[in-house]
Amino acid sequence: MQIRKYLPITITIFILIIGIGAMVTMYYNWKSQEITVNKPMINKVVSSNDPLSLKSIIHEAEKNVILIEGQNELNTITGSGFLFNEKGDIITNAHVIKDAEVIYVRTANARTYPAAVVGISEDIDIAVIRVPQLANENTLSVETATSAEIGDEVIALGSPHGFQNTVTLGIISGTSRNFTVDGYDYSNVYQISAQITHGNSGGPLINRETGEIIGINSVGTADGTIGFSIPIIEVIDQINLWSNEAQNDQLDFASTSDIINTQKPELYIEDAAYLVNYFLESIEIRDYVNAYSLLGSTLQLETPYAIFRDQYIDNINLRYSEMNSNVMENNQIETLIDVTFDTRSESEQEVTTETVSLTFTIGYENDQLKILRIMSEEI
């Protein structure tokens, strides 16, 4: 009777021991085996802490950097600015536009628009202007939480002497600088080693590591070796206040057609060359959507986006010669340039090089400069 009483317990313990032993054996066998995945759609995901590509940061920033021209009866003052919200508002320096009777802006894709003043300070060298046509465009992130520190690498963009989207590199070489220039008080500004000069005023200062805007380039020494940038964190509240209060129907805009009618021929050629350069730069950085947006409507109808992209998608590098531009009888610009493409084959084992002569026809469409035609000839 005693044996029968403990028999079920003994059997249960025995089964548990066998089960545990089997599980341990299976675990060690599984752990030692190599698992092979035959699904080509499943890829290993690797997190990367590598810094953003310098070329990518610059290309994205260029889309937001604006060339500003403030005109009055005596002269034209050139400066820079950058888009910062979905309303088409542009941050710049007050000294760039304070004496302007009419304000025009030129974007990275060579489009020209009239602008109106949203807000301007008499004490701090900041101002905001608005271009409704630029509403809902993509903008760079603005750092409003923390200040930059000495040694941080920075990128300064602007249009010195009218040369649009010029880039200089440097570091934050000083902080909390205080001084007064032309009646404007500069308090707690960044000192930067990136060179800035006339025309850089109002352009963005970008953190090299994050790609975020941290300052407004404002003042440079005469020799260009030291620059000063207003920290965006110090003025963003005032900027947002101006932006939120302004209504488009209360702002004073000039006419876009007046800009085109008074444009000098040499500036027309310069804008056309810039547009071609920007088109090729977009192709090189693989920003096909941006490149396609530079084409005129007829050219887009002839070449759908998918076909346009496929023409360049295997390109891994390109180089091009100096441009040769001239004004044609119909007031359009013809720009000739030799471009060398390095293209990788579908098997990705062979790279071929081809040089072609491209002829771009540039002209105005709906008051904006566009690439109307592209002719290609092998060399």
Protein backbone atom coordinates (compact mmCIF):
# COMPACT_ATOMS: atom_id res chain seq x y z
CA MET A 1 0.00 0.00 0.00
CA GLN A 2 2.84 2.35 0.84
CA ILE A 3 4.41 1.76 -2.62
CA ARG A 4 1.13 2.50 -4.39
CA LYS A 5 0.77 5.70 -2.40
CA TYR A 6 4.10 7.20 -3.61
CA LEU A 7 4.15 5.68 -7.09
CA PRO A 8 2.33 8.59 -8.87
CA ILE A 9 4.65 11.14 -7.23
CA THR A 10 7.73 9.18 -8.24
CA ILE A 11 6.54 8.89 -11.85
CA THR A 12 5.76 12.64 -12.00
CA ILE A 13 9.22 13.59 -10.72
CA PHE A 14 10.83 11.17 -13.17
CA ILE A 15 8.89 12.69 -16.11
CA LEU A 16 9.86 16.24 -15.04
CA ILE A 17 13.54 15.29 -14.87
CA ILE A 18 13.41 13.77 -18.37
CA GLY A 19 11.51 16.84 -19.72
CA ILE A 20 13.97 19.31 -18.25
CA GLY A 21 16.91 17.32 -19.57
CA ALA A 22 15.38 17.24 -23.06
CA MET A 23 14.78 21.00 -23.03
CA VAL A 24 18.37 21.72 -21.95
CA THR A 25 19.71 19.47 -24.70
CA MET A 26 17.51 21.13 -27.34
CA TYR A 27 18.59 24.61 -26.20
CA TYR A 28 22.31 23.89 -26.51
CA ASN A 29 21.80 22.24 -29.90
CA TRP A 30 19.81 25.28 -31.15
CA LYS A 31 22.39 27.72 -29.81
CA SER A 32 25.26 26.00 -31.62
CA GLN A 33 23.53 25.89 -35.01
CA GLU A 34 23.99 28.61 -37.65
CA ILE A 35 20.70 29.99 -38.93
CA THR A 36 20.56 30.66 -42.67
CA VAL A 37 18.01 33.10 -44.07
CA ASN A 38 17.10 32.46 -47.68
CA LYS A 39 14.64 35.34 -48.01
CA PRO A 40 16.34 38.01 -50.12
CA MET A 41 13.83 40.62 -48.95
CA ILE A 42 15.04 40.31 -45.37
CA ASN A 43 18.11 42.44 -44.73
CA LYS A 44 20.21 43.01 -41.67
CA VAL A 45 19.48 46.38 -40.12
CA VAL A 46 22.52 48.16 -38.78
CA SER A 47 22.22 51.35 -36.80
CA SER A 48 24.72 54.01 -37.73
CA ASN A 49 25.99 56.98 -35.77
CA ASP A 50 28.00 58.35 -38.70
CA PRO A 51 27.69 62.12 -39.17
CA LEU A 52 25.54 63.44 -41.99
CA SER A 53 27.28 63.81 -45.33
CA LEU A 54 28.65 67.33 -45.75
CA LYS A 55 27.50 67.42 -49.36
CA SER A 56 23.97 66.32 -48.37
CA ILE A 57 23.73 68.97 -45.64
CA ILE A 58 24.86 71.69 -48.03
CA HIS A 59 22.51 70.58 -50.81
CA GLU A 60 19.48 70.53 -48.51
CA ALA A 61 20.47 73.87 -46.99
CA GLU A 62 20.84 75.49 -50.41
CA LYS A 63 17.15 74.87 -51.08
CA ASN A 64 16.31 77.12 -48.13
CA VAL A 65 18.90 79.87 -48.61
CA ILE A 66 17.52 82.97 -50.32
CA LEU A 67 19.30 85.81 -52.12
CA ILE A 68 17.66 89.09 -51.07
CA GLU A 69 17.79 92.36 -53.00
CA GLY A 70 16.54 95.52 -51.35
CA GLN A 71 16.15 98.33 -53.87
CA ASN A 72 15.64 102.08 -53.53
CA GLU A 73 16.17 105.07 -55.82
CA LEU A 74 19.90 105.22 -55.05
CA ASN A 75 21.15 101.64 -55.01
CA THR A 76 20.54 97.93 -54.48
CA ILE A 77 21.58 96.19 -51.28
CA THR A 78 22.23 92.46 -51.52
CA GLY A 79 21.96 90.07 -48.61
CA SER A 80 20.82 86.59 -47.67
CA GLY A 81 18.06 84.89 -45.74
CA PHE A 82 16.57 81.46 -45.14
CA LEU A 83 13.11 79.90 -45.05
CA PHE A 84 12.02 78.79 -41.61
CA ASN A 85 8.29 78.02 -41.64
CA GLU A 86 5.36 76.89 -43.78
CA LYS A 87 4.10 80.45 -44.37
CA GLY A 88 6.97 81.34 -46.68
CA ASP A 89 8.65 83.50 -44.03
CA ILE A 90 12.35 84.26 -44.40
CA ILE A 91 14.71 85.26 -41.59
CA THR A 92 17.34 87.88 -42.47
CA ASN A 93 19.20 90.84 -40.97
CA ALA A 94 17.47 94.16 -40.42
CA HIS A 95 20.33 96.07 -42.05
CA VAL A 96 19.74 94.20 -45.34
CA ILE A 97 16.22 95.57 -45.88
CA LYS A 98 15.84 98.62 -43.62
CA ASP A 99 16.39 101.15 -46.45
CA ALA A 100 14.63 99.15 -49.17
CA GLU A 101 11.57 100.52 -50.93
CA VAL A 102 11.08 97.26 -52.83
CA ILE A 103 12.31 93.78 -51.84
CA TYR A 104 12.89 90.88 -54.22
CA VAL A 105 14.19 87.40 -53.48
CA ARG A 106 15.85 84.78 -55.65
CA THR A 107 15.68 81.12 -54.67
CA ALA A 108 18.22 78.37 -55.23
CA ASN A 109 16.37 77.24 -58.38
CA ALA A 110 16.66 80.78 -59.84
CA ARG A 111 13.03 81.74 -59.26
CA THR A 112 12.36 85.39 -58.44
CA TYR A 113 9.56 86.65 -56.20
CA PRO A 114 8.56 89.90 -54.51
CA ALA A 115 8.67 89.96 -50.72
CA ALA A 116 7.05 92.04 -48.00
CA VAL A 117 8.29 92.95 -44.53
CA VAL A 118 6.65 90.96 -41.73
CA GLY A 119 8.72 92.42 -38.91
CA ILE A 120 11.93 94.37 -38.40
CA SER A 121 13.80 95.39 -35.25
CA GLU A 122 15.44 98.76 -34.66
CA ASP A 123 17.70 97.45 -31.89
CA ILE A 124 18.55 93.85 -32.81
CA ASP A 125 19.79 93.09 -36.31
CA ILE A 126 16.94 90.74 -37.27
CA ALA A 127 14.01 90.95 -39.65
CA VAL A 128 11.42 88.67 -41.24
CA ILE A 129 10.05 88.96 -44.78
CA ARG A 130 7.35 86.85 -46.45
CA VAL A 131 7.03 85.29 -49.89
CA PRO A 132 3.62 83.53 -50.17
CA GLN A 133 4.82 81.57 -53.23
CA LEU A 134 7.28 79.77 -50.95
CA ALA A 135 4.62 78.64 -48.47
CA ASN A 136 4.66 74.93 -47.57
CA GLU A 137 8.17 74.41 -48.92
CA ASN A 138 10.43 72.07 -46.97
CA THR A 139 12.61 73.86 -44.43
CA LEU A 140 15.61 72.90 -42.34
CA SER A 141 15.21 72.23 -38.65
CA VAL A 142 16.03 75.18 -36.37
CA GLU A 143 17.80 74.49 -33.07
CA THR A 144 15.85 76.34 -30.37
CA ALA A 145 16.68 74.26 -27.28
CA THR A 146 20.43 74.49 -26.72
CA SER A 147 23.23 76.88 -27.56
CA ALA A 148 26.33 75.98 -29.53
CA GLU A 149 29.67 75.56 -27.79
CA ILE A 150 33.23 76.55 -28.63
CA GLY A 151 34.74 74.01 -31.01
CA ASP A 152 31.46 72.99 -32.65
CA GLU A 153 31.94 72.64 -36.41
CA VAL A 154 29.71 74.96 -38.45
CA ILE A 155 28.72 75.71 -42.06
CA ALA A 156 27.96 79.28 -43.12
CA LEU A 157 25.86 79.87 -46.24
CA GLY A 158 25.02 83.10 -48.01
CA SER A 159 25.46 85.18 -51.15
CA PRO A 160 28.63 87.25 -50.72
CA HIS A 161 28.94 89.89 -53.45
CA GLY A 162 25.89 88.35 -55.15
CA PHE A 163 27.46 84.90 -55.58
CA GLN A 164 24.47 82.83 -54.56
CA ASN A 165 24.80 79.87 -52.18
CA THR A 166 28.45 80.30 -51.28
CA VAL A 167 29.60 77.94 -48.52
CA THR A 168 32.35 78.38 -45.95
CA LEU A 169 33.36 76.02 -43.13
CA GLY A 170 34.70 76.70 -39.66
CA ILE A 171 34.08 76.33 -35.95
CA ILE A 172 32.50 78.28 -33.12
CA SER A 173 35.62 80.14 -32.00
CA GLY A 174 33.95 82.23 -29.30
CA THR A 175 30.65 82.76 -27.50
CA SER A 176 28.90 85.54 -25.58
CA ARG A 177 30.45 88.30 -27.69
CA ASN A 178 28.90 91.75 -27.17
CA PHE A 179 29.30 94.89 -29.30
CA THR A 180 27.41 97.55 -31.26
CA VAL A 181 27.53 98.18 -35.02
CA ASP A 182 25.55 100.84 -36.92
CA GLY A 183 23.12 101.22 -34.05
CA TYR A 184 22.40 97.51 -33.61
CA ASP A 185 23.23 95.76 -30.35
CA TYR A 186 24.80 92.33 -30.73
CA SER A 187 24.53 90.43 -27.45
CA ASN A 188 25.72 86.91 -26.67
CA VAL A 189 26.57 86.28 -30.33
CA TYR A 190 28.72 83.49 -31.71
CA GLN A 191 32.18 84.24 -33.04
CA ILE A 192 32.94 81.96 -35.98
CA SER A 193 36.05 81.14 -38.00
CA ALA A 194 34.00 80.53 -41.18
CA GLN A 195 34.59 83.50 -43.48
CA ILE A 196 31.64 85.80 -44.14
CA THR A 197 31.53 89.15 -45.90
CA HIS A 198 29.12 91.52 -47.68
CA GLY A 199 26.11 89.55 -48.94
CA ASN A 200 26.46 86.81 -46.31
CA SER A 201 24.35 88.89 -43.94
CA GLY A 202 21.16 87.05 -43.00
CA GLY A 203 22.34 83.65 -44.17
CA PRO A 204 22.10 80.58 -41.92
CA LEU A 205 24.79 79.17 -39.66
CA ILE A 206 24.41 75.39 -39.58
CA ASN A 207 25.67 72.83 -37.08
CA ARG A 208 27.88 70.45 -39.06
CA GLU A 209 26.94 67.43 -36.96
CA THR A 210 23.14 67.82 -36.87
CA GLY A 211 22.40 69.85 -40.01
CA GLU A 212 20.27 72.23 -37.92
CA ILE A 213 20.30 76.03 -38.17
CA ILE A 214 21.83 77.56 -35.05
CA GLY A 215 22.48 81.18 -36.03
CA ILE A 216 22.02 84.14 -38.39
CA ASN A 217 25.26 85.30 -39.99
CA SER A 218 25.40 89.05 -39.45
CA VAL A 219 28.80 90.75 -39.18
CA GLY A 220 32.30 90.08 -40.44
CA THR A 221 35.64 91.79 -39.97
CA ALA A 222 37.09 93.76 -42.89
CA ASP A 223 39.64 91.06 -43.68
CA GLY A 224 36.97 88.33 -43.53
CA THR A 225 38.84 86.20 -41.02
CA ILE A 226 36.33 86.53 -38.17
CA GLY A 227 32.56 86.47 -38.37
CA PHE A 228 29.71 86.85 -35.93
CA SER A 229 26.37 85.07 -35.94
CA ILE A 230 23.27 85.83 -33.87
CA PRO A 231 22.15 82.67 -32.01
CA ILE A 232 18.70 81.68 -33.26
CA ILE A 233 17.76 80.64 -29.74
CA GLU A 234 18.10 84.27 -28.60
CA VAL A 235 15.63 85.73 -31.15
CA ILE A 236 13.22 82.95 -32.14
CA ASP A 237 10.45 84.16 -29.81
CA GLN A 238 10.38 87.61 -31.43
CA ILE A 239 10.54 86.06 -34.89
CA ASN A 240 7.58 83.77 -34.18
CA LEU A 241 5.61 86.69 -32.74
CA TRP A 242 6.02 88.70 -35.96
CA SER A 243 5.16 85.70 -38.09
CA ASN A 244 2.01 84.79 -36.17
CA GLU A 245 0.66 88.35 -36.24
CA ALA A 246 1.19 89.09 -39.95
CA GLN A 247 -1.62 88.57 -42.47
CA ASN A 248 -0.90 88.44 -46.20
CA ASP A 249 -3.67 90.88 -47.14
CA GLN A 250 -2.05 93.48 -44.89
CA LEU A 251 1.42 93.19 -46.47
CA ASP A 252 2.80 95.26 -49.36
CA PHE A 253 4.20 93.20 -52.25
CA ALA A 254 5.80 94.44 -55.49
CA SER A 255 5.07 92.93 -58.94
CA THR A 256 7.08 89.93 -60.17
CA SER A 257 6.87 91.10 -63.80
CA ASP A 258 8.60 94.37 -62.85
CA ILE A 259 11.64 92.40 -61.76
CA ILE A 260 11.97 90.62 -65.10
CA ASN A 261 11.42 93.74 -67.20
CA THR A 262 14.17 95.65 -65.39
CA GLN A 263 16.66 92.77 -65.20
CA LYS A 264 20.07 93.42 -66.75
CA PRO A 265 21.21 91.05 -69.55
CA GLU A 266 24.37 90.03 -67.69
CA LEU A 267 22.30 89.06 -64.65
CA TYR A 268 19.98 87.05 -66.91
CA ILE A 269 22.96 85.06 -68.22
CA GLU A 270 24.28 84.61 -64.70
CA ASP A 271 20.93 83.27 -63.49
CA ALA A 272 20.72 80.87 -66.44
CA ALA A 273 24.20 79.50 -65.70
CA TYR A 274 23.31 79.15 -62.04
CA LEU A 275 20.14 77.21 -62.95
CA VAL A 276 22.12 74.75 -65.09
CA ASN A 277 24.71 74.31 -62.33
CA TYR A 278 21.97 73.67 -59.78
CA PHE A 279 20.33 71.13 -62.11
CA LEU A 280 23.58 69.17 -62.49
CA GLU A 281 24.29 69.40 -58.75
CA SER A 282 20.86 67.92 -58.02
CA ILE A 283 21.55 65.06 -60.42
CA GLU A 284 24.90 64.41 -58.76
CA ILE A 285 23.36 64.32 -55.28
CA ARG A 286 20.58 62.04 -56.66
CA ASP A 287 17.86 64.57 -55.90
CA TYR A 288 15.93 63.81 -59.08
CA VAL A 289 12.69 65.39 -57.86
CA ASN A 290 14.41 68.75 -57.40
CA ALA A 291 16.16 68.48 -60.78
CA TYR A 292 12.88 67.62 -62.51
CA SER A 293 11.18 70.65 -60.95
CA LEU A 294 13.61 72.91 -62.86
CA LEU A 295 12.25 71.74 -66.22
CA GLY A 296 9.63 73.69 -68.15
CA SER A 297 6.11 72.30 -68.54
CA THR A 298 6.59 71.25 -72.19
CA LEU A 299 9.77 69.36 -71.37
CA GLN A 300 8.04 67.64 -68.46
CA LEU A 301 5.18 66.58 -70.74
CA GLU A 302 7.66 65.13 -73.22
CA THR A 303 9.62 63.34 -70.48
CA PRO A 304 7.60 61.90 -67.56
CA TYR A 305 9.39 61.87 -64.23
CA ALA A 306 9.95 58.09 -64.18
CA ILE A 307 11.74 58.21 -67.55
CA PHE A 308 13.73 61.27 -66.49
CA ARG A 309 14.90 59.55 -63.31
CA ASP A 310 15.86 56.35 -65.15
CA GLN A 311 18.19 58.38 -67.38
CA TYR A 312 20.39 59.21 -64.38
CA ILE A 313 19.65 56.62 -61.70
CA ASP A 314 22.73 54.48 -62.52
CA ASN A 315 25.03 57.51 -62.49
CA ILE A 316 27.53 57.45 -59.62
CA ASN A 317 29.52 60.56 -60.44
CA LEU A 318 29.64 63.43 -62.89
CA ARG A 319 32.07 66.15 -63.85
CA TYR A 320 31.52 69.11 -66.12
CA SER A 321 33.43 71.83 -67.91
CA GLU A 322 32.97 75.59 -67.76
CA MET A 323 29.74 76.88 -69.27
CA ASN A 324 29.43 78.97 -72.39
CA SER A 325 26.23 81.04 -72.47
CA ASN A 326 24.77 83.55 -74.89
CA VAL A 327 21.47 85.36 -75.43
CA MET A 328 19.51 84.22 -78.49
CA GLU A 329 17.22 86.32 -80.70
CA ASN A 330 14.08 85.16 -78.90
CA ASN A 331 15.56 86.46 -75.62
CA GLN A 332 16.25 82.95 -74.37
CA ILE A 333 19.64 81.81 -73.07
CA GLU A 334 21.59 78.99 -74.66
CA THR A 335 24.15 77.35 -72.38
CA LEU A 336 26.65 74.78 -73.62
CA ILE A 337 28.55 72.48 -71.30
CA ASP A 338 30.46 69.19 -71.54
CA VAL A 339 29.46 66.64 -68.90
CA THR A 340 31.25 63.37 -68.08
CA PHE A 341 29.09 60.67 -66.49
CA ASP A 342 30.43 57.65 -64.59
CA THR A 343 27.73 54.98 -64.74
CA ARG A 344 27.56 51.66 -62.92
CA SER A 345 26.11 48.68 -64.80
CA GLU A 346 23.12 46.69 -63.51
CA SER A 347 25.45 43.95 -62.29
CA GLU A 348 27.34 46.66 -60.32
CA GLN A 349 30.63 45.12 -61.45
CA GLU A 350 31.56 47.53 -64.22
CA VAL A 351 31.75 51.31 -64.43
CA THR A 352 31.56 53.04 -67.81
CA THR A 353 32.49 56.63 -68.55
CA GLU A 354 30.79 58.77 -71.16
CA THR A 355 31.24 62.43 -72.05
CA VAL A 356 28.42 64.31 -73.75
CA SER A 357 27.94 67.88 -74.90
CA LEU A 358 24.71 69.29 -73.43
CA THR A 359 22.94 72.35 -74.77
CA PHE A 360 20.45 73.90 -72.35
CA THR A 361 17.84 76.39 -73.51
CA ILE A 362 16.79 78.63 -70.62
CA GLY A 363 13.86 81.00 -70.64
CA TYR A 364 10.96 82.41 -68.66
CA GLU A 365 7.76 80.46 -68.17
CA ASN A 366 5.00 82.03 -66.07
CA ASP A 367 7.48 84.70 -64.95
CA GLN A 368 9.97 82.11 -63.69
CA LEU A 369 13.25 80.90 -65.17
CA LYS A 370 13.07 77.29 -66.44
CA ILE A 371 15.03 74.79 -68.48
CA LEU A 372 12.98 74.66 -71.67
CA ARG A 373 15.07 72.22 -73.70
CA ILE A 374 18.07 69.90 -73.29
CA MET A 375 19.96 68.66 -76.36
CA SER A 376 22.62 65.95 -75.99
CA GLU A 377 25.46 65.03 -78.32
CA GLU A 378 28.13 62.41 -77.67
CA ILE A 379 31.75 63.51 -77.77
